[in-house]
Amino acid sequence: MRFHDLEHTLSVVRTAVGIAEALKLEPRDIALLEVAALFHDTGYALAYEGHEEKSAELAEMFLLKHGVAKRDIARVRSLILATRMGHAPRSLLQQVLRDADSSKA
């Protein structure tokens, strides 16, 4: 997916963090959001359909390797999976990532 390149990823990260900071979210939430944004399209390296699940798996493997708590890993996974087409975000952080992913900033 040519559009889902490094610049797209970095744009999503910048936008998500910017929105989160404007909302005055907690630093821990911003950090988890940033990780989710960095990983949200990595699954395209493995699959087109279902790439979000692959992205979540890649993020989980990375975070486990670095000793991140399972609760935080679950939150990152849920953020990544919220970027699926047709998925209705269930939390503010999920909405922030979806908005950042669909923005053209």
PDB file of N, CA and C in Angstrom:
ATOM      1  N   MET A   1       0.844  -1.174   0.000  1.00  0.00           N
ATOM      2  CA  MET A   1       0.000   0.000   0.000  1.00  0.00           C
ATOM      3  C   MET A   1       0.890   1.239   0.000  1.00  0.00           C
ATOM      4  N   ARG A   2       0.992   1.846  -1.119  1.00  0.00           N
ATOM      5  CA  ARG A   2       1.876   2.977  -1.288  1.00  0.00           C
ATOM      6  C   ARG A   2       1.546   4.147  -0.364  1.00  0.00           C
ATOM      7  N   PHE A   3       0.276   4.385  -0.125  1.00  0.00           N
ATOM      8  CA  PHE A   3      -0.125   5.491   0.746  1.00  0.00           C
ATOM      9  C   PHE A   3       0.285   5.241   2.191  1.00  0.00           C
ATOM     10  N   HIS A   4       0.321   3.992   2.606  1.00  0.00           N
ATOM     11  CA  HIS A   4       0.634   3.646   3.994  1.00  0.00           C
ATOM     12  C   HIS A   4       2.135   3.491   4.161  1.00  0.00           C
ATOM     13  N   ASP A   5       2.831   4.589   3.956  1.00  0.00           N
ATOM     14  CA  ASP A   5       4.285   4.602   4.039  1.00  0.00           C
ATOM     15  C   ASP A   5       4.745   5.244   5.344  1.00  0.00           C
ATOM     16  N   LEU A   6       6.041   5.428   5.476  1.00  0.00           N
ATOM     17  CA  LEU A   6       6.584   6.006   6.703  1.00  0.00           C
ATOM     18  C   LEU A   6       6.043   7.405   6.958  1.00  0.00           C
ATOM     19  N   GLU A   7       5.920   8.210   5.916  1.00  0.00           N
ATOM     20  CA  GLU A   7       5.407   9.572   6.121  1.00  0.00           C
ATOM     21  C   GLU A   7       3.972   9.552   6.636  1.00  0.00           C
ATOM     22  N   HIS A   8       3.142   8.644   6.115  1.00  0.00           N
ATOM     23  CA  HIS A   8       1.774   8.502   6.630  1.00  0.00           C
ATOM     24  C   HIS A   8       1.815   8.133   8.112  1.00  0.00           C
ATOM     25  N   THR A   9       2.639   7.163   8.453  1.00  0.00           N
ATOM     26  CA  THR A   9       2.733   6.729   9.841  1.00  0.00           C
ATOM     27  C   THR A   9       3.161   7.869  10.748  1.00  0.00           C
ATOM     28  N   LEU A  10       4.199   8.592  10.355  1.00  0.00           N
ATOM     29  CA  LEU A  10       4.683   9.703  11.172  1.00  0.00           C
ATOM     30  C   LEU A  10       3.651  10.818  11.270  1.00  0.00           C
ATOM     31  N   SER A  11       2.893  11.024  10.207  1.00  0.00           N
ATOM     32  CA  SER A  11       1.824  12.016  10.236  1.00  0.00           C
ATOM     33  C   SER A  11       0.735  11.607  11.226  1.00  0.00           C
ATOM     34  N   VAL A  12       0.383  10.328  11.224  1.00  0.00           N
ATOM     35  CA  VAL A  12      -0.624   9.826  12.164  1.00  0.00           C
ATOM     36  C   VAL A  12      -0.118   9.998  13.593  1.00  0.00           C
ATOM     37  N   VAL A  13       1.145   9.682  13.821  1.00  0.00           N
ATOM     38  CA  VAL A  13       1.721   9.845  15.166  1.00  0.00           C
ATOM     39  C   VAL A  13       1.651  11.307  15.601  1.00  0.00           C
ATOM     40  N   ARG A  14       2.117  12.217  14.753  1.00  0.00           N
ATOM     41  CA  ARG A  14       2.110  13.647  15.098  1.00  0.00           C
ATOM     42  C   ARG A  14       0.691  14.143  15.378  1.00  0.00           C
ATOM     43  N   THR A  15      -0.234  13.747  14.532  1.00  0.00           N
ATOM     44  CA  THR A  15      -1.613  14.200  14.685  1.00  0.00           C
ATOM     45  C   THR A  15      -2.246  13.623  15.952  1.00  0.00           C
ATOM     46  N   ALA A  16      -2.054  12.336  16.191  1.00  0.00           N
ATOM     47  CA  ALA A  16      -2.624  11.701  17.378  1.00  0.00           C
ATOM     48  C   ALA A  16      -2.067  12.332  18.651  1.00  0.00           C
ATOM     49  N   VAL A  17      -0.763  12.514  18.703  1.00  0.00           N
ATOM     50  CA  VAL A  17      -0.151  13.113  19.890  1.00  0.00           C
ATOM     51  C   VAL A  17      -0.622  14.559  20.050  1.00  0.00           C
ATOM     52  N   GLY A  18      -0.723  15.283  18.964  1.00  0.00           N
ATOM     53  CA  GLY A  18      -1.201  16.663  19.024  1.00  0.00           C
ATOM     54  C   GLY A  18      -2.617  16.763  19.566  1.00  0.00           C
ATOM     55  N   ILE A  19      -3.489  15.883  19.086  1.00  0.00           N
ATOM     56  CA  ILE A  19      -4.874  15.872  19.580  1.00  0.00           C
ATOM     57  C   ILE A  19      -4.887  15.504  21.059  1.00  0.00           C
ATOM     58  N   ALA A  20      -4.131  14.480  21.420  1.00  0.00           N
ATOM     59  CA  ALA A  20      -4.103  14.026  22.810  1.00  0.00           C
ATOM     60  C   ALA A  20      -3.583  15.111  23.747  1.00  0.00           C
ATOM     61  N   GLU A  21      -2.553  15.817  23.315  1.00  0.00           N
ATOM     62  CA  GLU A  21      -2.018  16.902  24.143  1.00  0.00           C
ATOM     63  C   GLU A  21      -3.023  18.048  24.258  1.00  0.00           C
ATOM     64  N   ALA A  22      -3.719  18.360  23.161  1.00  0.00           N
ATOM     65  CA  ALA A  22      -4.731  19.415  23.200  1.00  0.00           C
ATOM     66  C   ALA A  22      -5.867  19.045  24.150  1.00  0.00           C
ATOM     67  N   LEU A  23      -6.159  17.753  24.246  1.00  0.00           N
ATOM     68  CA  LEU A  23      -7.196  17.266  25.156  1.00  0.00           C
ATOM     69  C   LEU A  23      -6.676  17.120  26.586  1.00  0.00           C
ATOM     70  N   LYS A  24      -5.375  17.381  26.757  1.00  0.00           N
ATOM     71  CA  LYS A  24      -4.729  17.271  28.071  1.00  0.00           C
ATOM     72  C   LYS A  24      -4.864  15.861  28.666  1.00  0.00           C
ATOM     73  N   LEU A  25      -4.646  14.859  27.796  1.00  0.00           N
ATOM     74  CA  LEU A  25      -4.692  13.474  28.267  1.00  0.00           C
ATOM     75  C   LEU A  25      -3.455  13.167  29.101  1.00  0.00           C
ATOM     76  N   GLU A  26      -3.549  12.116  29.877  1.00  0.00           N
ATOM     77  CA  GLU A  26      -2.450  11.692  30.744  1.00  0.00           C
ATOM     78  C   GLU A  26      -1.240  11.270  29.903  1.00  0.00           C
ATOM     79  N   PRO A  27      -0.029  11.568  30.377  1.00  0.00           N
ATOM     80  CA  PRO A  27       1.184  11.173  29.638  1.00  0.00           C
ATOM     81  C   PRO A  27       1.237   9.682  29.307  1.00  0.00           C
ATOM     82  N   ARG A  28       0.792   8.821  30.219  1.00  0.00           N
ATOM     83  CA  ARG A  28       0.804   7.375  29.952  1.00  0.00           C
ATOM     84  C   ARG A  28      -0.124   7.037  28.779  1.00  0.00           C
ATOM     85  N   ASP A  29      -1.307   7.660  28.741  1.00  0.00           N
ATOM     86  CA  ASP A  29      -2.238   7.436  27.639  1.00  0.00           C
ATOM     87  C   ASP A  29      -1.644   7.936  26.327  1.00  0.00           C
ATOM     88  N   ILE A  30      -0.978   9.065  26.370  1.00  0.00           N
ATOM     89  CA  ILE A  30      -0.348   9.609  25.160  1.00  0.00           C
ATOM     90  C   ILE A  30       0.745   8.665  24.671  1.00  0.00           C
ATOM     91  N   ALA A  31       1.517   8.100  25.589  1.00  0.00           N
ATOM     92  CA  ALA A  31       2.580   7.167  25.203  1.00  0.00           C
ATOM     93  C   ALA A  31       1.999   5.917  24.538  1.00  0.00           C
ATOM     94  N   LEU A  32       0.922   5.378  25.099  1.00  0.00           N
ATOM     95  CA  LEU A  32       0.295   4.191  24.505  1.00  0.00           C
ATOM     96  C   LEU A  32      -0.295   4.524  23.134  1.00  0.00           C
ATOM     97  N   LEU A  33      -0.888   5.685  23.032  1.00  0.00           N
ATOM     98  CA  LEU A  33      -1.437   6.143  21.757  1.00  0.00           C
ATOM     99  C   LEU A  33      -0.337   6.279  20.710  1.00  0.00           C
ATOM    100  N   GLU A  34       0.798   6.816  21.122  1.00  0.00           N
ATOM    101  CA  GLU A  34       1.924   6.992  20.206  1.00  0.00           C
ATOM    102  C   GLU A  34       2.438   5.641  19.694  1.00  0.00           C
ATOM    103  N   VAL A  35       2.558   4.675  20.586  1.00  0.00           N
ATOM    104  CA  VAL A  35       2.992   3.335  20.175  1.00  0.00           C
ATOM    105  C   VAL A  35       1.987   2.727  19.200  1.00  0.00           C
ATOM    106  N   ALA A  36       0.709   2.841  19.521  1.00  0.00           N
ATOM    107  CA  ALA A  36      -0.331   2.297  18.637  1.00  0.00           C
ATOM    108  C   ALA A  36      -0.273   2.961  17.265  1.00  0.00           C
ATOM    109  N   ALA A  37      -0.062   4.260  17.239  1.00  0.00           N
ATOM    110  CA  ALA A  37       0.024   4.975  15.964  1.00  0.00           C
ATOM    111  C   ALA A  37       1.234   4.505  15.157  1.00  0.00           C
ATOM    112  N   LEU A  38       2.339   4.279  15.830  1.00  0.00           N
ATOM    113  CA  LEU A  38       3.540   3.808  15.129  1.00  0.00           C
ATOM    114  C   LEU A  38       3.326   2.426  14.508  1.00  0.00           C
ATOM    115  N   PHE A  39       2.578   1.578  15.177  1.00  0.00           N
ATOM    116  CA  PHE A  39       2.381   0.205  14.704  1.00  0.00           C
ATOM    117  C   PHE A  39       1.121   0.006  13.869  1.00  0.00           C
ATOM    118  N   HIS A  40       0.234   0.997  13.774  1.00  0.00           N
ATOM    119  CA  HIS A  40      -1.117   0.747  13.264  1.00  0.00           C
ATOM    120  C   HIS A  40      -1.180   0.170  11.853  1.00  0.00           C
ATOM    121  N   ASP A  41      -0.213   0.422  11.010  1.00  0.00           N
ATOM    122  CA  ASP A  41      -0.239  -0.126   9.646  1.00  0.00           C
ATOM    123  C   ASP A  41       0.903  -1.094   9.353  1.00  0.00           C
ATOM    124  N   THR A  42       1.660  -1.497  10.352  1.00  0.00           N
ATOM    125  CA  THR A  42       2.781  -2.406  10.100  1.00  0.00           C
ATOM    126  C   THR A  42       2.318  -3.751   9.543  1.00  0.00           C
ATOM    127  N   GLY A  43       1.095  -4.118   9.842  1.00  0.00           N
ATOM    128  CA  GLY A  43       0.555  -5.386   9.356  1.00  0.00           C
ATOM    129  C   GLY A  43       0.458  -5.473   7.848  1.00  0.00           C
ATOM    130  N   TYR A  44       0.503  -4.328   7.160  1.00  0.00           N
ATOM    131  CA  TYR A  44       0.492  -4.364   5.693  1.00  0.00           C
ATOM    132  C   TYR A  44       1.686  -5.126   5.147  1.00  0.00           C
ATOM    133  N   ALA A  45       2.741  -5.252   5.928  1.00  0.00           N
ATOM    134  CA  ALA A  45       3.901  -6.029   5.485  1.00  0.00           C
ATOM    135  C   ALA A  45       3.573  -7.516   5.390  1.00  0.00           C
ATOM    136  N   LEU A  46       2.490  -7.918   6.054  1.00  0.00           N
ATOM    137  CA  LEU A  46       2.118  -9.337   6.097  1.00  0.00           C
ATOM    138  C   LEU A  46       0.816  -9.659   5.392  1.00  0.00           C
ATOM    139  N   ALA A  47      -0.110  -8.703   5.347  1.00  0.00           N
ATOM    140  CA  ALA A  47      -1.425  -8.979   4.760  1.00  0.00           C
ATOM    141  C   ALA A  47      -2.117  -7.671   4.413  1.00  0.00           C
ATOM    142  N   TYR A  48      -2.957  -7.720   3.385  1.00  0.00           N
ATOM    143  CA  TYR A  48      -3.781  -6.558   3.061  1.00  0.00           C
ATOM    144  C   TYR A  48      -5.045  -6.621   3.907  1.00  0.00           C
ATOM    145  N   GLU A  49      -5.845  -7.674   3.672  1.00  0.00           N
ATOM    146  CA  GLU A  49      -7.057  -7.844   4.481  1.00  0.00           C
ATOM    147  C   GLU A  49      -6.643  -8.309   5.862  1.00  0.00           C
ATOM    148  N   GLY A  50      -7.212  -7.668   6.850  1.00  0.00           N
ATOM    149  CA  GLY A  50      -6.880  -8.034   8.220  1.00  0.00           C
ATOM    150  C   GLY A  50      -5.544  -7.499   8.697  1.00  0.00           C
ATOM    151  N   HIS A  51      -5.030  -6.487   7.986  1.00  0.00           N
ATOM    152  CA  HIS A  51      -3.709  -5.971   8.386  1.00  0.00           C
ATOM    153  C   HIS A  51      -3.713  -5.386   9.792  1.00  0.00           C
ATOM    154  N   GLU A  52      -4.878  -4.914  10.256  1.00  0.00           N
ATOM    155  CA  GLU A  52      -4.940  -4.344  11.601  1.00  0.00           C
ATOM    156  C   GLU A  52      -4.626  -5.408  12.662  1.00  0.00           C
ATOM    157  N   GLU A  53      -5.168  -6.598  12.480  1.00  0.00           N
ATOM    158  CA  GLU A  53      -4.877  -7.692  13.421  1.00  0.00           C
ATOM    159  C   GLU A  53      -3.392  -8.043  13.373  1.00  0.00           C
ATOM    160  N   LYS A  54      -2.827  -8.080  12.187  1.00  0.00           N
ATOM    161  CA  LYS A  54      -1.385  -8.343  12.064  1.00  0.00           C
ATOM    162  C   LYS A  54      -0.577  -7.228  12.729  1.00  0.00           C
ATOM    163  N   SER A  55      -1.021  -5.988  12.559  1.00  0.00           N
ATOM    164  CA  SER A  55      -0.351  -4.858  13.199  1.00  0.00           C
ATOM    165  C   SER A  55      -0.388  -5.012  14.715  1.00  0.00           C
ATOM    166  N   ALA A  56      -1.556  -5.389  15.244  1.00  0.00           N
ATOM    167  CA  ALA A  56      -1.704  -5.578  16.684  1.00  0.00           C
ATOM    168  C   ALA A  56      -0.794  -6.703  17.180  1.00  0.00           C
ATOM    169  N   GLU A  57      -0.680  -7.761  16.398  1.00  0.00           N
ATOM    170  CA  GLU A  57       0.200  -8.876  16.769  1.00  0.00           C
ATOM    171  C   GLU A  57       1.662  -8.434  16.789  1.00  0.00           C
ATOM    172  N   LEU A  58       2.069  -7.665  15.786  1.00  0.00           N
ATOM    173  CA  LEU A  58       3.449  -7.178  15.741  1.00  0.00           C
ATOM    174  C   LEU A  58       3.747  -6.264  16.928  1.00  0.00           C
ATOM    175  N   ALA A  59       2.812  -5.388  17.242  1.00  0.00           N
ATOM    176  CA  ALA A  59       2.990  -4.500  18.391  1.00  0.00           C
ATOM    177  C   ALA A  59       3.098  -5.321  19.673  1.00  0.00           C
ATOM    178  N   GLU A  60       2.235  -6.310  19.814  1.00  0.00           N
ATOM    179  CA  GLU A  60       2.262  -7.141  21.016  1.00  0.00           C
ATOM    180  C   GLU A  60       3.602  -7.854  21.160  1.00  0.00           C
ATOM    181  N   MET A  61       4.105  -8.440  20.094  1.00  0.00           N
ATOM    182  CA  MET A  61       5.400  -9.133  20.159  1.00  0.00           C
ATOM    183  C   MET A  61       6.513  -8.174  20.582  1.00  0.00           C
ATOM    184  N   PHE A  62       6.512  -6.991  20.001  1.00  0.00           N
ATOM    185  CA  PHE A  62       7.528  -5.991  20.336  1.00  0.00           C
ATOM    186  C   PHE A  62       7.424  -5.583  21.800  1.00  0.00           C
ATOM    187  N   LEU A  63       6.220  -5.292  22.244  1.00  0.00           N
ATOM    188  CA  LEU A  63       6.024  -4.813  23.609  1.00  0.00           C
ATOM    189  C   LEU A  63       6.312  -5.898  24.643  1.00  0.00           C
ATOM    190  N   LEU A  64       5.957  -7.145  24.348  1.00  0.00           N
ATOM    191  CA  LEU A  64       6.292  -8.248  25.243  1.00  0.00           C
ATOM    192  C   LEU A  64       7.801  -8.386  25.384  1.00  0.00           C
ATOM    193  N   LYS A  65       8.487  -8.279  24.268  1.00  0.00           N
ATOM    194  CA  LYS A  65       9.952  -8.389  24.261  1.00  0.00           C
ATOM    195  C   LYS A  65      10.590  -7.311  25.139  1.00  0.00           C
ATOM    196  N   HIS A  66       9.921  -6.172  25.262  1.00  0.00           N
ATOM    197  CA  HIS A  66      10.454  -5.050  26.033  1.00  0.00           C
ATOM    198  C   HIS A  66       9.835  -4.934  27.423  1.00  0.00           C
ATOM    199  N   GLY A  67       9.148  -6.000  27.856  1.00  0.00           N
ATOM    200  CA  GLY A  67       8.655  -6.068  29.221  1.00  0.00           C
ATOM    201  C   GLY A  67       7.487  -5.169  29.566  1.00  0.00           C
ATOM    202  N   VAL A  68       6.713  -4.781  28.581  1.00  0.00           N
ATOM    203  CA  VAL A  68       5.553  -3.920  28.831  1.00  0.00           C
ATOM    204  C   VAL A  68       4.439  -4.749  29.464  1.00  0.00           C
ATOM    205  N   ALA A  69       3.734  -4.153  30.396  1.00  0.00           N
ATOM    206  CA  ALA A  69       2.651  -4.839  31.107  1.00  0.00           C
ATOM    207  C   ALA A  69       1.558  -5.293  30.136  1.00  0.00           C
ATOM    208  N   LYS A  70       0.989  -6.453  30.426  1.00  0.00           N
ATOM    209  CA  LYS A  70      -0.054  -7.019  29.556  1.00  0.00           C
ATOM    210  C   LYS A  70      -1.256  -6.089  29.428  1.00  0.00           C
ATOM    211  N   ARG A  71      -1.583  -5.372  30.488  1.00  0.00           N
ATOM    212  CA  ARG A  71      -2.715  -4.431  30.435  1.00  0.00           C
ATOM    213  C   ARG A  71      -2.448  -3.331  29.406  1.00  0.00           C
ATOM    214  N   ASP A  72      -1.230  -2.823  29.389  1.00  0.00           N
ATOM    215  CA  ASP A  72      -0.880  -1.788  28.420  1.00  0.00           C
ATOM    216  C   ASP A  72      -0.839  -2.344  27.001  1.00  0.00           C
ATOM    217  N   ILE A  73      -0.370  -3.576  26.876  1.00  0.00           N
ATOM    218  CA  ILE A  73      -0.359  -4.221  25.556  1.00  0.00           C
ATOM    219  C   ILE A  73      -1.787  -4.373  25.044  1.00  0.00           C
ATOM    220  N   ALA A  74      -2.697  -4.780  25.902  1.00  0.00           N
ATOM    221  CA  ALA A  74      -4.106  -4.923  25.505  1.00  0.00           C
ATOM    222  C   ALA A  74      -4.677  -3.586  25.054  1.00  0.00           C
ATOM    223  N   ARG A  75      -4.300  -2.519  25.735  1.00  0.00           N
ATOM    224  CA  ARG A  75      -4.783  -1.189  25.345  1.00  0.00           C
ATOM    225  C   ARG A  75      -4.240  -0.799  23.970  1.00  0.00           C
ATOM    226  N   VAL A  76      -2.958  -1.051  23.724  1.00  0.00           N
ATOM    227  CA  VAL A  76      -2.370  -0.738  22.416  1.00  0.00           C
ATOM    228  C   VAL A  76      -3.069  -1.544  21.333  1.00  0.00           C
ATOM    229  N   ARG A  77      -3.288  -2.838  21.588  1.00  0.00           N
ATOM    230  CA  ARG A  77      -3.985  -3.679  20.613  1.00  0.00           C
ATOM    231  C   ARG A  77      -5.368  -3.106  20.304  1.00  0.00           C
ATOM    232  N   SER A  78      -6.101  -2.700  21.341  1.00  0.00           N
ATOM    233  CA  SER A  78      -7.459  -2.188  21.112  1.00  0.00           C
ATOM    234  C   SER A  78      -7.428  -0.894  20.307  1.00  0.00           C
ATOM    235  N   LEU A  79      -6.412  -0.087  20.516  1.00  0.00           N
ATOM    236  CA  LEU A  79      -6.288   1.147  19.733  1.00  0.00           C
ATOM    237  C   LEU A  79      -6.028   0.833  18.270  1.00  0.00           C
ATOM    238  N   ILE A  80      -5.116  -0.079  18.015  1.00  0.00           N
ATOM    239  CA  ILE A  80      -4.810  -0.454  16.632  1.00  0.00           C
ATOM    240  C   ILE A  80      -6.045  -1.048  15.956  1.00  0.00           C
ATOM    241  N   LEU A  81      -6.729  -1.938  16.642  1.00  0.00           N
ATOM    242  CA  LEU A  81      -7.913  -2.582  16.056  1.00  0.00           C
ATOM    243  C   LEU A  81      -9.046  -1.596  15.823  1.00  0.00           C
ATOM    244  N   ALA A  82      -9.042  -0.482  16.524  1.00  0.00           N
ATOM    245  CA  ALA A  82     -10.067   0.549  16.318  1.00  0.00           C
ATOM    246  C   ALA A  82      -9.913   1.265  14.988  1.00  0.00           C
ATOM    247  N   THR A  83      -8.780   1.064  14.309  1.00  0.00           N
ATOM    248  CA  THR A  83      -8.592   1.712  13.004  1.00  0.00           C
ATOM    249  C   THR A  83      -9.231   0.917  11.868  1.00  0.00           C
ATOM    250  N   ARG A  84      -9.831  -0.237  12.176  1.00  0.00           N
ATOM    251  CA  ARG A  84     -10.496  -1.035  11.137  1.00  0.00           C
ATOM    252  C   ARG A  84     -11.663  -0.259  10.540  1.00  0.00           C
ATOM    253  N   MET A  85     -11.835  -0.401   9.248  1.00  0.00           N
ATOM    254  CA  MET A  85     -12.967   0.228   8.570  1.00  0.00           C
ATOM    255  C   MET A  85     -14.258  -0.324   9.160  1.00  0.00           C
ATOM    256  N   GLY A  86     -15.186   0.579   9.442  1.00  0.00           N
ATOM    257  CA  GLY A  86     -16.485   0.174   9.950  1.00  0.00           C
ATOM    258  C   GLY A  86     -16.533  -0.061  11.446  1.00  0.00           C
ATOM    259  N   HIS A  87     -15.396   0.013  12.108  1.00  0.00           N
ATOM    260  CA  HIS A  87     -15.369  -0.188  13.562  1.00  0.00           C
ATOM    261  C   HIS A  87     -15.734   1.110  14.263  1.00  0.00           C
ATOM    262  N   ALA A  88     -16.625   1.022  15.238  1.00  0.00           N
ATOM    263  CA  ALA A  88     -17.014   2.200  16.004  1.00  0.00           C
ATOM    264  C   ALA A  88     -16.120   2.301  17.241  1.00  0.00           C
ATOM    265  N   PRO A  89     -15.347   3.370  17.350  1.00  0.00           N
ATOM    266  CA  PRO A  89     -14.475   3.531  18.523  1.00  0.00           C
ATOM    267  C   PRO A  89     -15.288   3.532  19.808  1.00  0.00           C
ATOM    268  N   ARG A  90     -14.736   2.888  20.853  1.00  0.00           N
ATOM    269  CA  ARG A  90     -15.446   2.789  22.130  1.00  0.00           C
ATOM    270  C   ARG A  90     -14.791   3.616  23.221  1.00  0.00           C
ATOM    271  N   SER A  91     -13.714   4.304  22.906  1.00  0.00           N
ATOM    272  CA  SER A  91     -13.063   5.132  23.919  1.00  0.00           C
ATOM    273  C   SER A  91     -12.530   6.396  23.254  1.00  0.00           C
ATOM    274  N   LEU A  92     -12.207   7.362  24.062  1.00  0.00           N
ATOM    275  CA  LEU A  92     -11.644   8.605  23.542  1.00  0.00           C
ATOM    276  C   LEU A  92     -10.323   8.345  22.820  1.00  0.00           C
ATOM    277  N   LEU A  93      -9.468   7.503  23.387  1.00  0.00           N
ATOM    278  CA  LEU A  93      -8.182   7.210  22.733  1.00  0.00           C
ATOM    279  C   LEU A  93      -8.385   6.536  21.379  1.00  0.00           C
ATOM    280  N   GLN A  94      -9.344   5.619  21.299  1.00  0.00           N
ATOM    281  CA  GLN A  94      -9.641   4.984  20.012  1.00  0.00           C
ATOM    282  C   GLN A  94     -10.111   6.023  19.002  1.00  0.00           C
ATOM    283  N   GLN A  95     -10.947   6.944  19.431  1.00  0.00           N
ATOM    284  CA  GLN A  95     -11.428   8.002  18.540  1.00  0.00           C
ATOM    285  C   GLN A  95     -10.281   8.884  18.073  1.00  0.00           C
ATOM    286  N   VAL A  96      -9.382   9.213  18.986  1.00  0.00           N
ATOM    287  CA  VAL A  96      -8.232  10.057  18.629  1.00  0.00           C
ATOM    288  C   VAL A  96      -7.398   9.372  17.548  1.00  0.00           C
ATOM    289  N   LEU A  97      -7.108   8.085  17.719  1.00  0.00           N
ATOM    290  CA  LEU A  97      -6.290   7.390  16.718  1.00  0.00           C
ATOM    291  C   LEU A  97      -7.018   7.284  15.389  1.00  0.00           C
ATOM    292  N   ARG A  98      -8.303   6.995  15.420  1.00  0.00           N
ATOM    293  CA  ARG A  98      -9.068   6.927  14.160  1.00  0.00           C
ATOM    294  C   ARG A  98      -9.065   8.269  13.444  1.00  0.00           C
ATOM    295  N   ASP A  99      -9.291   9.333  14.203  1.00  0.00           N
ATOM    296  CA  ASP A  99      -9.289  10.666  13.591  1.00  0.00           C
ATOM    297  C   ASP A  99      -7.917  10.986  13.006  1.00  0.00           C
ATOM    298  N   ALA A 100      -6.873  10.665  13.740  1.00  0.00           N
ATOM    299  CA  ALA A 100      -5.515  10.940  13.262  1.00  0.00           C
ATOM    300  C   ALA A 100      -5.217  10.126  12.007  1.00  0.00           C
ATOM    301  N   ASP A 101      -5.672   8.884  11.973  1.00  0.00           N
ATOM    302  CA  ASP A 101      -5.413   8.004  10.822  1.00  0.00           C
ATOM    303  C   ASP A 101      -6.156   8.492   9.581  1.00  0.00           C
ATOM    304  N   SER A 102      -7.312   9.080   9.769  1.00  0.00           N
ATOM    305  CA  SER A 102      -8.104   9.527   8.606  1.00  0.00           C
ATOM    306  C   SER A 102      -7.847  10.978   8.241  1.00  0.00           C
ATOM    307  N   SER A 103      -7.052  11.680   9.050  1.00  0.00           N
ATOM    308  CA  SER A 103      -6.766  13.087   8.736  1.00  0.00           C
ATOM    309  C   SER A 103      -5.782  13.187   7.579  1.00  0.00           C
ATOM    310  N   LYS A 104      -5.752  14.301   6.966  1.00  0.00           N
ATOM    311  CA  LYS A 104      -4.823  14.516   5.847  1.00  0.00           C
ATOM    312  C   LYS A 104      -3.776  15.569   6.229  1.00  0.00           C
ATOM    313  N   ALA A 105      -3.416  15.560   7.520  1.00  0.00           N
ATOM    314  CA  ALA A 105      -2.440  16.545   8.028  1.00  0.00           C
ATOM    315  C   ALA A 105      -1.060  16.325   7.448  1.00  0.00           C
TER     316      ALA A 105
END
